């Protein structure tokens, strides 16, 4: 009997925290649709860019072409949204630590994703220090990376859209 009372209390607390987290004014971003999923997409980003560095992570980014390699539009991907992928290697620690890093990074990315408006693919490589980092600091770091990527993408976009002069 005592354990069911605790379960009800946990469920009541969970609903309160979920209500405080949801903000009806913030734009709704579909995180699963904004993820890099395929190995080929990761490889394209690695080959098309150089490694960039931030304090707590390194990152690669590349503008996403409007058409896929076969000349058709990329299936299931909106042409004007950014996609983000995370990589956490075994050097970051055991599976528990790697999964904690990924969960923290996914949440920070989900909250900061509206900052990325350009059609870019971005791969983030967090450092192990992300485990001990205050979450607000992690959010600021992700936001700074997103702003830098957005600024660089805006510089590259006009160069790609200019018609060739003859």
Protein backbone atom coordinates (compact mmCIF):
# COMPACT_ATOMS: atom_id res chain seq x y z
CA UNK A 1 0.00 0.00 0.00
CA UNK A 2 2.81 2.36 0.78
CA UNK A 3 4.47 1.90 -2.59
CA UNK A 4 1.32 2.77 -4.56
CA UNK A 5 1.01 6.02 -2.61
CA UNK A 6 4.60 6.91 -3.56
CA UNK A 7 3.89 6.09 -7.21
CA UNK A 8 0.87 8.40 -7.21
CA UNK A 9 2.97 11.13 -5.63
CA UNK A 10 5.68 10.67 -8.29
CA UNK A 11 3.09 10.86 -11.06
CA UNK A 12 1.61 14.02 -9.54
CA UNK A 13 5.08 15.58 -9.32
CA UNK A 14 5.87 14.55 -12.87
CA UNK A 15 2.80 16.27 -14.27
CA UNK A 16 3.67 19.46 -12.39
CA UNK A 17 7.21 19.53 -13.80
CA UNK A 18 5.96 18.73 -17.29
CA UNK A 19 3.49 21.61 -17.07
CA UNK A 20 6.22 24.03 -16.01
CA UNK A 21 8.54 22.91 -18.83
CA UNK A 22 6.06 23.39 -21.65
CA UNK A 23 5.95 26.95 -22.85
CA UNK A 24 3.03 27.65 -25.19
CA UNK A 25 4.73 30.74 -26.65
CA UNK A 26 7.90 29.02 -27.86
CA UNK A 27 7.77 27.67 -31.42
CA UNK A 28 7.17 23.96 -31.71
CA UNK A 29 10.17 22.26 -33.29
CA UNK A 30 9.86 18.65 -34.31
CA UNK A 31 13.12 17.29 -32.93
CA UNK A 32 12.97 13.83 -34.53
CA UNK A 33 12.54 15.39 -37.97
CA UNK A 34 15.50 17.68 -37.27
CA UNK A 35 17.96 14.83 -36.64
CA UNK A 36 20.67 13.51 -38.88
CA UNK A 37 20.05 9.79 -39.11
CA UNK A 38 21.91 8.27 -42.02
CA UNK A 39 25.60 7.46 -42.12
CA UNK A 40 25.85 8.99 -45.59
CA UNK A 41 24.60 12.33 -44.25
CA UNK A 42 27.24 12.32 -41.51
CA UNK A 43 29.94 11.48 -44.05
CA UNK A 44 28.79 14.28 -46.39
CA UNK A 45 29.02 16.81 -43.54
CA UNK A 46 32.49 15.59 -42.54
CA UNK A 47 33.78 15.81 -46.12
CA UNK A 48 32.20 19.18 -46.89
CA UNK A 49 33.49 21.07 -43.86
CA UNK A 50 36.33 21.63 -41.47
CA UNK A 51 36.29 20.92 -37.76
CA UNK A 52 35.24 23.96 -35.72
CA UNK A 53 35.79 24.35 -32.00
CA UNK A 54 33.76 25.70 -29.10
CA UNK A 55 34.61 25.51 -25.40
CA UNK A 56 32.74 22.30 -24.61
CA UNK A 57 32.40 20.71 -28.05
CA UNK A 58 33.63 20.57 -31.59
CA UNK A 59 31.34 20.65 -34.59
CA UNK A 60 31.10 20.23 -38.34
CA UNK A 61 28.44 21.80 -40.55
CA UNK A 62 27.53 21.93 -44.21
CA UNK A 63 24.76 23.55 -46.18
CA UNK A 64 22.28 20.95 -47.30
CA UNK A 65 21.73 20.78 -51.05
CA UNK A 66 18.16 21.21 -52.27
CA UNK A 67 18.46 18.03 -54.32
CA UNK A 68 19.88 14.66 -53.41
CA UNK A 69 22.67 12.88 -55.32
CA UNK A 70 20.17 11.39 -57.77
CA UNK A 71 18.67 14.80 -58.67
CA UNK A 72 15.43 14.37 -56.71
CA UNK A 73 14.46 16.21 -53.57
CA UNK A 74 15.71 14.69 -50.34
CA UNK A 75 12.96 12.44 -49.01
CA UNK A 76 11.37 13.38 -45.71
CA UNK A 77 13.48 16.48 -45.18
CA UNK A 78 12.15 20.01 -45.29
CA UNK A 79 14.35 22.15 -47.53
CA UNK A 80 14.46 25.06 -45.09
CA UNK A 81 15.14 23.40 -41.73
CA UNK A 82 18.36 22.48 -40.03
CA UNK A 83 19.27 18.94 -39.02
CA UNK A 84 21.55 18.12 -36.10
CA UNK A 85 23.45 14.94 -35.31
CA UNK A 86 25.36 13.96 -32.18
CA UNK A 87 28.36 11.69 -31.90
CA UNK A 88 29.72 10.48 -28.59
CA UNK A 89 32.60 8.05 -28.90
CA UNK A 90 33.69 5.32 -26.53
CA UNK A 91 36.53 7.51 -25.31
CA UNK A 92 33.90 9.53 -23.42
CA UNK A 93 33.46 6.77 -20.86
CA UNK A 94 31.17 3.86 -20.25
CA UNK A 95 27.69 3.51 -21.75
CA UNK A 96 26.02 5.22 -18.81
CA UNK A 97 28.15 8.35 -19.21
CA UNK A 98 27.80 8.39 -23.00
CA UNK A 99 24.02 8.13 -22.74
CA UNK A 100 23.91 10.92 -20.13
CA UNK A 101 25.95 13.15 -22.45
CA UNK A 102 23.60 12.39 -25.34
CA UNK A 103 20.47 13.06 -23.28
CA UNK A 104 21.81 16.39 -22.04
CA UNK A 105 22.93 17.40 -25.52
CA UNK A 106 19.61 16.39 -27.14
CA UNK A 107 17.66 18.49 -24.67
CA UNK A 108 19.94 21.51 -25.10
CA UNK A 109 19.74 21.17 -28.90
CA UNK A 110 15.95 20.79 -28.80
CA UNK A 111 15.58 23.99 -26.79
CA UNK A 112 17.98 26.02 -28.96
CA UNK A 113 16.96 24.64 -32.37
CA UNK A 114 14.86 27.70 -33.35
CA UNK A 115 18.14 29.66 -33.60
CA UNK A 116 19.06 27.65 -36.72
CA UNK A 117 17.01 28.81 -39.68
CA UNK A 118 19.31 27.96 -42.58
CA UNK A 119 19.15 24.56 -44.29
CA UNK A 120 22.30 23.16 -42.72
CA UNK A 121 23.37 19.78 -41.44
CA UNK A 122 25.34 20.02 -38.20
CA UNK A 123 27.26 17.33 -36.32
CA UNK A 124 28.18 18.03 -32.68
CA UNK A 125 31.00 16.25 -30.83
CA UNK A 126 30.67 17.10 -27.11
CA UNK A 127 33.57 16.80 -24.71
CA UNK A 128 33.40 14.69 -21.58
CA UNK A 129 33.19 17.86 -19.49
CA UNK A 130 29.55 18.18 -20.64
CA UNK A 131 28.70 15.60 -17.94
CA UNK A 132 29.65 17.95 -15.10
CA UNK A 133 28.65 21.20 -16.80
CA UNK A 134 25.74 23.22 -15.48
CA UNK A 135 22.81 22.78 -17.89
CA UNK A 136 22.31 26.54 -18.35
CA UNK A 137 25.96 26.84 -19.39
CA UNK A 138 25.50 23.95 -21.81
CA UNK A 139 22.49 25.69 -23.33
CA UNK A 140 24.49 28.90 -23.79
CA UNK A 141 27.29 26.93 -25.44
CA UNK A 142 24.89 25.21 -27.86
CA UNK A 143 23.22 28.57 -28.60
CA UNK A 144 26.62 30.13 -29.36
CA UNK A 145 27.46 27.28 -31.75
CA UNK A 146 24.08 27.61 -33.47
CA UNK A 147 24.51 31.38 -33.88
CA UNK A 148 27.98 30.89 -35.36
CA UNK A 149 26.69 28.24 -37.77
CA UNK A 150 23.73 30.43 -38.76
CA UNK A 151 26.02 33.40 -39.42
CA UNK A 152 28.41 31.30 -41.53
CA UNK A 153 25.52 29.72 -43.43
CA UNK A 154 24.07 33.13 -44.24
CA UNK A 155 27.42 34.12 -45.75
CA UNK A 156 27.52 30.94 -47.85
CA UNK A 157 23.89 31.00 -49.00
CA UNK A 158 24.12 34.12 -51.24
CA UNK A 159 27.22 32.70 -52.93
CA UNK A 160 25.32 29.52 -53.83
CA UNK A 161 22.18 31.24 -55.06
CA UNK A 162 23.92 33.77 -57.36
CA UNK A 163 23.52 32.86 -61.03
CA UNK A 164 26.69 32.27 -63.01
CA UNK A 165 27.81 35.33 -64.96
CA UNK A 166 28.49 34.80 -68.64
